[in-house]
Amino acid sequence: MRRIVLSPRWIGWGVVTLAAVVACILLGRWQLGRADESGDLQNWGYAIQWPVFALFFALLWWRMLRMELRAAKPEQPEPDQPQPAVAPTPPVPEQHVPAPRRAEVVRAEQDDPELAAYNRFLAELAARDRGD
């Protein structure tokens, strides 16, 4: 634990956190003085808000330190508790998925002279667009 807490990274985080907490407390005291002088409700709100920010910084530092310590210590299962046996999973059989049936394309042009004429018209328009 000391190795992590006394690392340069955590010393830096501690200094930054301490500076933030002290700054928030001083700003809270300053707002409290302003609220006493003017009696403004906004100053009273800030006088309450700054100490809450200081508490937030301190709790955030503490939580991040605990997370770092947990990550550094590998978790060992307790020997008193029996370990559950893991049953091998049976192989999953491949399922046969039938291919979708394709509908047969019926050429309706031969049956419908009006449709054939329309398709010829579209072919002529396409040829004009291509510059043929």
N, C-alpha and C. Protein backbone atom coordinates (compact mmCIF):
# COMPACT_ATOMS: atom_id res chain seq x y z
N MET A 1 0.83 -1.19 0.00
CA MET A 1 0.00 0.00 0.00
C MET A 1 0.87 1.25 0.00
N ARG A 2 1.90 1.24 0.84
CA ARG A 2 2.76 2.42 0.91
C ARG A 2 3.46 2.68 -0.41
N ARG A 3 3.79 1.58 -1.11
CA ARG A 3 4.47 1.73 -2.40
C ARG A 3 3.60 2.52 -3.37
N ILE A 4 2.29 2.27 -3.34
CA ILE A 4 1.38 2.97 -4.25
C ILE A 4 1.13 4.40 -3.78
N VAL A 5 0.86 4.55 -2.48
CA VAL A 5 0.52 5.88 -1.95
C VAL A 5 1.71 6.83 -2.04
N LEU A 6 2.92 6.31 -1.90
CA LEU A 6 4.11 7.16 -1.94
C LEU A 6 4.73 7.25 -3.33
N SER A 7 4.03 6.76 -4.33
CA SER A 7 4.54 6.89 -5.70
C SER A 7 4.40 8.35 -6.14
N PRO A 8 5.24 8.80 -7.06
CA PRO A 8 5.15 10.21 -7.49
C PRO A 8 3.77 10.58 -8.04
N ARG A 9 3.14 9.64 -8.69
CA ARG A 9 1.81 9.91 -9.25
C ARG A 9 0.81 10.22 -8.15
N TRP A 10 0.79 9.40 -7.10
CA TRP A 10 -0.19 9.61 -6.04
C TRP A 10 0.18 10.76 -5.12
N ILE A 11 1.45 11.05 -5.01
CA ILE A 11 1.84 12.25 -4.26
C ILE A 11 1.34 13.48 -5.00
N GLY A 12 1.49 13.47 -6.33
CA GLY A 12 0.97 14.58 -7.14
C GLY A 12 -0.53 14.73 -7.02
N TRP A 13 -1.25 13.60 -7.10
CA TRP A 13 -2.71 13.66 -6.94
C TRP A 13 -3.09 14.17 -5.55
N GLY A 14 -2.33 13.75 -4.54
CA GLY A 14 -2.63 14.22 -3.19
C GLY A 14 -2.43 15.71 -3.05
N VAL A 15 -1.36 16.24 -3.65
CA VAL A 15 -1.10 17.68 -3.58
C VAL A 15 -2.19 18.45 -4.32
N VAL A 16 -2.57 17.97 -5.50
CA VAL A 16 -3.62 18.65 -6.27
C VAL A 16 -4.94 18.61 -5.51
N THR A 17 -5.25 17.46 -4.92
CA THR A 17 -6.51 17.34 -4.17
C THR A 17 -6.50 18.24 -2.95
N LEU A 18 -5.39 18.26 -2.23
CA LEU A 18 -5.29 19.12 -1.05
C LEU A 18 -5.43 20.59 -1.43
N ALA A 19 -4.81 20.99 -2.54
CA ALA A 19 -4.93 22.37 -3.00
C ALA A 19 -6.38 22.69 -3.38
N ALA A 20 -7.06 21.75 -4.02
CA ALA A 20 -8.46 21.98 -4.40
C ALA A 20 -9.35 22.08 -3.17
N VAL A 21 -9.11 21.23 -2.18
CA VAL A 21 -9.92 21.26 -0.95
C VAL A 21 -9.70 22.58 -0.21
N VAL A 22 -8.45 22.98 -0.07
CA VAL A 22 -8.15 24.24 0.63
C VAL A 22 -8.76 25.42 -0.12
N ALA A 23 -8.63 25.42 -1.45
CA ALA A 23 -9.20 26.52 -2.24
C ALA A 23 -10.72 26.57 -2.09
N CYS A 24 -11.37 25.43 -2.09
CA CYS A 24 -12.83 25.41 -1.95
C CYS A 24 -13.26 25.89 -0.57
N ILE A 25 -12.52 25.51 0.45
CA ILE A 25 -12.87 25.96 1.80
C ILE A 25 -12.67 27.47 1.93
N LEU A 26 -11.57 27.98 1.39
CA LEU A 26 -11.33 29.43 1.44
C LEU A 26 -12.39 30.19 0.65
N LEU A 27 -12.77 29.67 -0.51
CA LEU A 27 -13.82 30.33 -1.28
C LEU A 27 -15.16 30.28 -0.54
N GLY A 28 -15.41 29.20 0.17
CA GLY A 28 -16.63 29.11 0.97
C GLY A 28 -16.65 30.13 2.10
N ARG A 29 -15.50 30.30 2.77
CA ARG A 29 -15.42 31.30 3.84
C ARG A 29 -15.58 32.71 3.28
N TRP A 30 -15.00 32.96 2.10
CA TRP A 30 -15.13 34.27 1.47
C TRP A 30 -16.60 34.54 1.12
N GLN A 31 -17.29 33.55 0.56
CA GLN A 31 -18.70 33.72 0.21
C GLN A 31 -19.55 33.90 1.47
N LEU A 32 -19.16 33.24 2.54
CA LEU A 32 -19.90 33.40 3.80
C LEU A 32 -19.77 34.85 4.30
N GLY A 33 -18.56 35.41 4.19
CA GLY A 33 -18.37 36.82 4.57
C GLY A 33 -19.18 37.76 3.68
N ARG A 34 -19.22 37.47 2.39
CA ARG A 34 -20.01 38.29 1.47
C ARG A 34 -21.49 38.18 1.79
N ALA A 35 -21.93 36.97 2.16
CA ALA A 35 -23.35 36.78 2.48
C ALA A 35 -23.71 37.54 3.75
N ASP A 36 -22.79 37.58 4.73
CA ASP A 36 -23.06 38.34 5.96
C ASP A 36 -23.14 39.84 5.68
N GLU A 37 -22.30 40.31 4.77
CA GLU A 37 -22.30 41.74 4.45
C GLU A 37 -23.54 42.17 3.68
N SER A 38 -23.87 41.41 2.63
CA SER A 38 -24.96 41.85 1.76
C SER A 38 -26.28 41.14 2.04
N GLY A 39 -26.22 39.98 2.62
CA GLY A 39 -27.45 39.23 2.90
C GLY A 39 -28.07 38.65 1.64
N ASP A 40 -27.29 38.58 0.56
CA ASP A 40 -27.80 38.08 -0.71
C ASP A 40 -27.94 36.56 -0.65
N LEU A 41 -29.05 36.07 -1.17
CA LEU A 41 -29.32 34.64 -1.15
C LEU A 41 -28.33 33.87 -2.02
N GLN A 42 -27.88 34.48 -3.10
CA GLN A 42 -26.93 33.82 -3.98
C GLN A 42 -25.61 33.56 -3.24
N ASN A 43 -25.15 34.51 -2.44
CA ASN A 43 -23.93 34.32 -1.68
C ASN A 43 -24.08 33.21 -0.65
N TRP A 44 -25.24 33.11 -0.05
CA TRP A 44 -25.48 32.02 0.90
C TRP A 44 -25.42 30.66 0.19
N GLY A 45 -25.95 30.62 -1.03
CA GLY A 45 -25.89 29.37 -1.80
C GLY A 45 -24.46 28.98 -2.11
N TYR A 46 -23.65 29.96 -2.53
CA TYR A 46 -22.25 29.66 -2.81
C TYR A 46 -21.49 29.29 -1.54
N ALA A 47 -21.86 29.91 -0.43
CA ALA A 47 -21.20 29.59 0.84
C ALA A 47 -21.43 28.14 1.22
N ILE A 48 -22.56 27.58 0.82
CA ILE A 48 -22.83 26.16 1.08
C ILE A 48 -22.20 25.30 -0.01
N GLN A 49 -22.19 25.79 -1.23
CA GLN A 49 -21.73 25.00 -2.37
C GLN A 49 -20.22 24.72 -2.32
N TRP A 50 -19.40 25.69 -1.95
CA TRP A 50 -17.96 25.48 -1.97
C TRP A 50 -17.49 24.38 -1.03
N PRO A 51 -17.98 24.28 0.21
CA PRO A 51 -17.57 23.15 1.04
C PRO A 51 -18.03 21.80 0.48
N VAL A 52 -19.16 21.79 -0.22
CA VAL A 52 -19.60 20.54 -0.86
C VAL A 52 -18.61 20.14 -1.95
N PHE A 53 -18.11 21.12 -2.70
CA PHE A 53 -17.09 20.83 -3.71
C PHE A 53 -15.83 20.27 -3.05
N ALA A 54 -15.44 20.85 -1.92
CA ALA A 54 -14.25 20.36 -1.21
C ALA A 54 -14.45 18.91 -0.79
N LEU A 55 -15.63 18.59 -0.28
CA LEU A 55 -15.93 17.21 0.10
C LEU A 55 -15.89 16.29 -1.12
N PHE A 56 -16.39 16.77 -2.24
CA PHE A 56 -16.37 15.98 -3.47
C PHE A 56 -14.94 15.65 -3.88
N PHE A 57 -14.05 16.64 -3.87
CA PHE A 57 -12.65 16.39 -4.24
C PHE A 57 -12.01 15.36 -3.31
N ALA A 58 -12.26 15.48 -2.01
CA ALA A 58 -11.66 14.54 -1.06
C ALA A 58 -12.20 13.13 -1.27
N LEU A 59 -13.50 13.00 -1.47
CA LEU A 59 -14.08 11.67 -1.68
C LEU A 59 -13.63 11.07 -3.00
N LEU A 60 -13.49 11.88 -4.01
CA LEU A 60 -13.01 11.38 -5.30
C LEU A 60 -11.59 10.86 -5.17
N TRP A 61 -10.73 11.57 -4.48
CA TRP A 61 -9.36 11.12 -4.27
C TRP A 61 -9.35 9.80 -3.50
N TRP A 62 -10.15 9.70 -2.46
CA TRP A 62 -10.21 8.49 -1.65
C TRP A 62 -10.71 7.30 -2.47
N ARG A 63 -11.73 7.53 -3.26
CA ARG A 63 -12.28 6.43 -4.07
C ARG A 63 -11.29 5.95 -5.13
N MET A 64 -10.61 6.89 -5.78
CA MET A 64 -9.63 6.50 -6.78
C MET A 64 -8.45 5.76 -6.15
N LEU A 65 -8.06 6.15 -4.96
CA LEU A 65 -6.99 5.45 -4.26
C LEU A 65 -7.42 4.03 -3.92
N ARG A 66 -8.63 3.86 -3.44
CA ARG A 66 -9.12 2.51 -3.12
C ARG A 66 -9.20 1.64 -4.37
N MET A 67 -9.64 2.21 -5.48
CA MET A 67 -9.70 1.44 -6.72
C MET A 67 -8.30 1.02 -7.18
N GLU A 68 -7.34 1.89 -7.03
CA GLU A 68 -5.96 1.57 -7.40
C GLU A 68 -5.40 0.47 -6.51
N LEU A 69 -5.69 0.53 -5.22
CA LEU A 69 -5.20 -0.50 -4.31
C LEU A 69 -5.84 -1.85 -4.61
N ARG A 70 -7.13 -1.85 -4.93
CA ARG A 70 -7.81 -3.10 -5.29
C ARG A 70 -7.24 -3.71 -6.56
N ALA A 71 -6.92 -2.86 -7.52
CA ALA A 71 -6.39 -3.36 -8.79
C ALA A 71 -4.98 -3.91 -8.60
N ALA A 72 -4.22 -3.37 -7.66
CA ALA A 72 -2.86 -3.84 -7.42
C ALA A 72 -2.84 -5.16 -6.67
N LYS A 73 -3.86 -5.44 -5.88
CA LYS A 73 -3.90 -6.67 -5.10
C LYS A 73 -4.75 -7.70 -5.83
N PRO A 74 -4.14 -8.82 -6.29
CA PRO A 74 -4.95 -9.83 -6.96
C PRO A 74 -5.88 -10.51 -5.97
N GLU A 75 -7.08 -10.75 -6.42
CA GLU A 75 -8.07 -11.37 -5.54
C GLU A 75 -7.85 -12.88 -5.51
N GLN A 76 -7.76 -13.42 -4.32
CA GLN A 76 -7.60 -14.86 -4.13
C GLN A 76 -8.90 -15.41 -3.58
N PRO A 77 -9.41 -16.51 -4.15
CA PRO A 77 -10.62 -17.10 -3.57
C PRO A 77 -10.31 -17.69 -2.20
N GLU A 78 -11.26 -17.57 -1.31
CA GLU A 78 -11.07 -18.10 0.03
C GLU A 78 -11.07 -19.62 0.00
N PRO A 79 -10.11 -20.27 0.68
CA PRO A 79 -10.05 -21.73 0.62
C PRO A 79 -11.19 -22.42 1.38
N ASP A 80 -11.87 -21.70 2.27
CA ASP A 80 -12.94 -22.32 3.05
C ASP A 80 -14.14 -22.65 2.17
N GLN A 81 -14.36 -21.88 1.16
CA GLN A 81 -15.53 -22.08 0.33
C GLN A 81 -15.21 -23.05 -0.80
N PRO A 82 -16.10 -24.01 -1.03
CA PRO A 82 -15.84 -24.95 -2.12
C PRO A 82 -15.98 -24.26 -3.47
N GLN A 83 -15.12 -24.65 -4.38
CA GLN A 83 -15.16 -24.10 -5.72
C GLN A 83 -16.18 -24.87 -6.55
N PRO A 84 -17.06 -24.19 -7.25
CA PRO A 84 -18.04 -24.91 -8.06
C PRO A 84 -17.36 -25.57 -9.25
N ALA A 85 -17.79 -26.80 -9.52
CA ALA A 85 -17.26 -27.52 -10.67
C ALA A 85 -17.91 -26.97 -11.93
N VAL A 86 -17.11 -26.79 -12.92
CA VAL A 86 -17.63 -26.27 -14.17
C VAL A 86 -17.88 -27.45 -15.09
N ALA A 87 -19.13 -27.63 -15.45
CA ALA A 87 -19.49 -28.72 -16.34
C ALA A 87 -19.12 -28.34 -17.77
N PRO A 88 -18.55 -29.29 -18.50
CA PRO A 88 -18.22 -28.95 -19.89
C PRO A 88 -19.50 -28.72 -20.69
N THR A 89 -19.45 -27.74 -21.51
CA THR A 89 -20.64 -27.45 -22.32
C THR A 89 -20.68 -28.41 -23.49
N PRO A 90 -21.84 -28.98 -23.74
CA PRO A 90 -21.94 -29.92 -24.86
C PRO A 90 -21.80 -29.17 -26.18
N PRO A 91 -21.27 -29.85 -27.18
CA PRO A 91 -21.14 -29.16 -28.47
C PRO A 91 -22.51 -28.84 -29.05
N VAL A 92 -22.59 -27.70 -29.63
CA VAL A 92 -23.85 -27.26 -30.21
C VAL A 92 -23.94 -27.83 -31.62
N PRO A 93 -24.99 -28.61 -31.88
CA PRO A 93 -25.08 -29.18 -33.23
C PRO A 93 -25.42 -28.08 -34.24
N GLU A 94 -24.85 -28.24 -35.40
CA GLU A 94 -25.14 -27.26 -36.44
C GLU A 94 -26.57 -27.47 -36.92
N GLN A 95 -27.27 -26.41 -36.99
CA GLN A 95 -28.66 -26.51 -37.43
C GLN A 95 -28.71 -26.36 -38.94
N HIS A 96 -29.55 -27.16 -39.51
CA HIS A 96 -29.73 -27.07 -40.96
C HIS A 96 -30.73 -25.98 -41.24
N VAL A 97 -30.27 -25.00 -41.94
CA VAL A 97 -31.15 -23.89 -42.32
C VAL A 97 -31.42 -24.02 -43.81
N PRO A 98 -32.65 -24.29 -44.17
CA PRO A 98 -32.92 -24.45 -45.60
C PRO A 98 -32.78 -23.11 -46.33
N ALA A 99 -32.29 -23.21 -47.52
CA ALA A 99 -32.14 -22.00 -48.34
C ALA A 99 -33.52 -21.54 -48.78
N PRO A 100 -33.73 -20.26 -48.86
CA PRO A 100 -35.05 -19.79 -49.29
C PRO A 100 -35.29 -20.19 -50.75
N ARG A 101 -36.50 -20.53 -51.01
CA ARG A 101 -36.85 -20.91 -52.38
C ARG A 101 -36.94 -19.65 -53.23
N ARG A 102 -36.41 -19.77 -54.40
CA ARG A 102 -36.43 -18.63 -55.30
C ARG A 102 -37.60 -18.77 -56.26
N ALA A 103 -38.27 -17.70 -56.41
CA ALA A 103 -39.39 -17.70 -57.35
C ALA A 103 -38.84 -17.68 -58.77
N GLU A 104 -39.43 -18.43 -59.59
CA GLU A 104 -38.99 -18.47 -60.98
C GLU A 104 -39.45 -17.19 -61.68
N VAL A 105 -38.53 -16.62 -62.42
CA VAL A 105 -38.84 -15.39 -63.13
C VAL A 105 -39.60 -15.75 -64.40
N VAL A 106 -40.73 -15.17 -64.53
CA VAL A 106 -41.55 -15.41 -65.71
C VAL A 106 -41.46 -14.19 -66.59
N ARG A 107 -41.11 -14.38 -67.81
CA ARG A 107 -41.03 -13.27 -68.75
C ARG A 107 -42.44 -12.93 -69.19
N ALA A 108 -42.92 -11.83 -68.66
CA ALA A 108 -44.28 -11.42 -68.97
C ALA A 108 -44.34 -10.59 -70.24
N GLU A 109 -43.14 -10.21 -70.76
CA GLU A 109 -43.13 -9.38 -71.95
C GLU A 109 -43.81 -10.09 -73.14
N GLN A 110 -43.53 -11.39 -73.20
CA GLN A 110 -44.10 -12.10 -74.34
C GLN A 110 -45.61 -12.20 -74.23
N ASP A 111 -46.12 -12.23 -73.00
CA ASP A 111 -47.56 -12.36 -72.81
C ASP A 111 -48.28 -11.02 -72.95
N ASP A 112 -47.58 -9.93 -72.60
CA ASP A 112 -48.24 -8.62 -72.57
C ASP A 112 -47.58 -7.70 -73.60
N PRO A 113 -48.23 -7.43 -74.71
CA PRO A 113 -47.63 -6.57 -75.75
C PRO A 113 -47.46 -5.13 -75.28
N GLU A 114 -48.32 -4.67 -74.38
CA GLU A 114 -48.22 -3.30 -73.87
C GLU A 114 -46.96 -3.14 -73.03
N LEU A 115 -46.66 -4.15 -72.19
CA LEU A 115 -45.46 -4.13 -71.36
C LEU A 115 -44.21 -4.20 -72.23
N ALA A 116 -44.26 -5.01 -73.29
CA ALA A 116 -43.11 -5.12 -74.20
C ALA A 116 -42.85 -3.79 -74.88
N ALA A 117 -43.89 -3.09 -75.29
CA ALA A 117 -43.72 -1.78 -75.93
C ALA A 117 -43.13 -0.77 -74.95
N TYR A 118 -43.56 -0.81 -73.71
CA TYR A 118 -43.04 0.11 -72.69
C TYR A 118 -41.56 -0.17 -72.44
N ASN A 119 -41.18 -1.45 -72.37
CA ASN A 119 -39.78 -1.79 -72.15
C ASN A 119 -38.91 -1.36 -73.33
N ARG A 120 -39.42 -1.48 -74.56
CA ARG A 120 -38.68 -0.99 -75.73
C ARG A 120 -38.48 0.53 -75.64
N PHE A 121 -39.52 1.22 -75.19
CA PHE A 121 -39.43 2.68 -75.03
C PHE A 121 -38.36 3.05 -74.01
N LEU A 122 -38.31 2.31 -72.89
CA LEU A 122 -37.29 2.58 -71.87
C LEU A 122 -35.90 2.28 -72.41
N ALA A 123 -35.77 1.23 -73.21
CA ALA A 123 -34.47 0.90 -73.80
C ALA A 123 -34.01 2.01 -74.75
N GLU A 124 -34.94 2.59 -75.51
CA GLU A 124 -34.60 3.69 -76.41
C GLU A 124 -34.13 4.91 -75.61
N LEU A 125 -34.83 5.21 -74.51
CA LEU A 125 -34.42 6.35 -73.67
C LEU A 125 -33.03 6.13 -73.08
N ALA A 126 -32.77 4.92 -72.64
CA ALA A 126 -31.44 4.61 -72.08
C ALA A 126 -30.37 4.75 -73.14
N ALA A 127 -30.68 4.32 -74.37
CA ALA A 127 -29.70 4.44 -75.46
C ALA A 127 -29.43 5.90 -75.78
N ARG A 128 -30.45 6.75 -75.73
CA ARG A 128 -30.25 8.19 -75.99
C ARG A 128 -29.38 8.84 -74.92
N ASP A 129 -29.61 8.41 -73.65
CA ASP A 129 -28.79 8.96 -72.55
C ASP A 129 -27.32 8.58 -72.70
N ARG A 130 -27.08 7.39 -73.17
CA ARG A 130 -25.69 6.94 -73.35
C ARG A 130 -25.04 7.59 -74.55
N GLY A 131 -25.86 8.15 -75.43
CA GLY A 131 -25.33 8.82 -76.62
C GLY A 131 -25.17 7.87 -77.79
N ASP A 132 -25.88 6.77 -77.76
CA ASP A 132 -25.78 5.79 -78.85
C ASP A 132 -26.48 6.24 -80.08
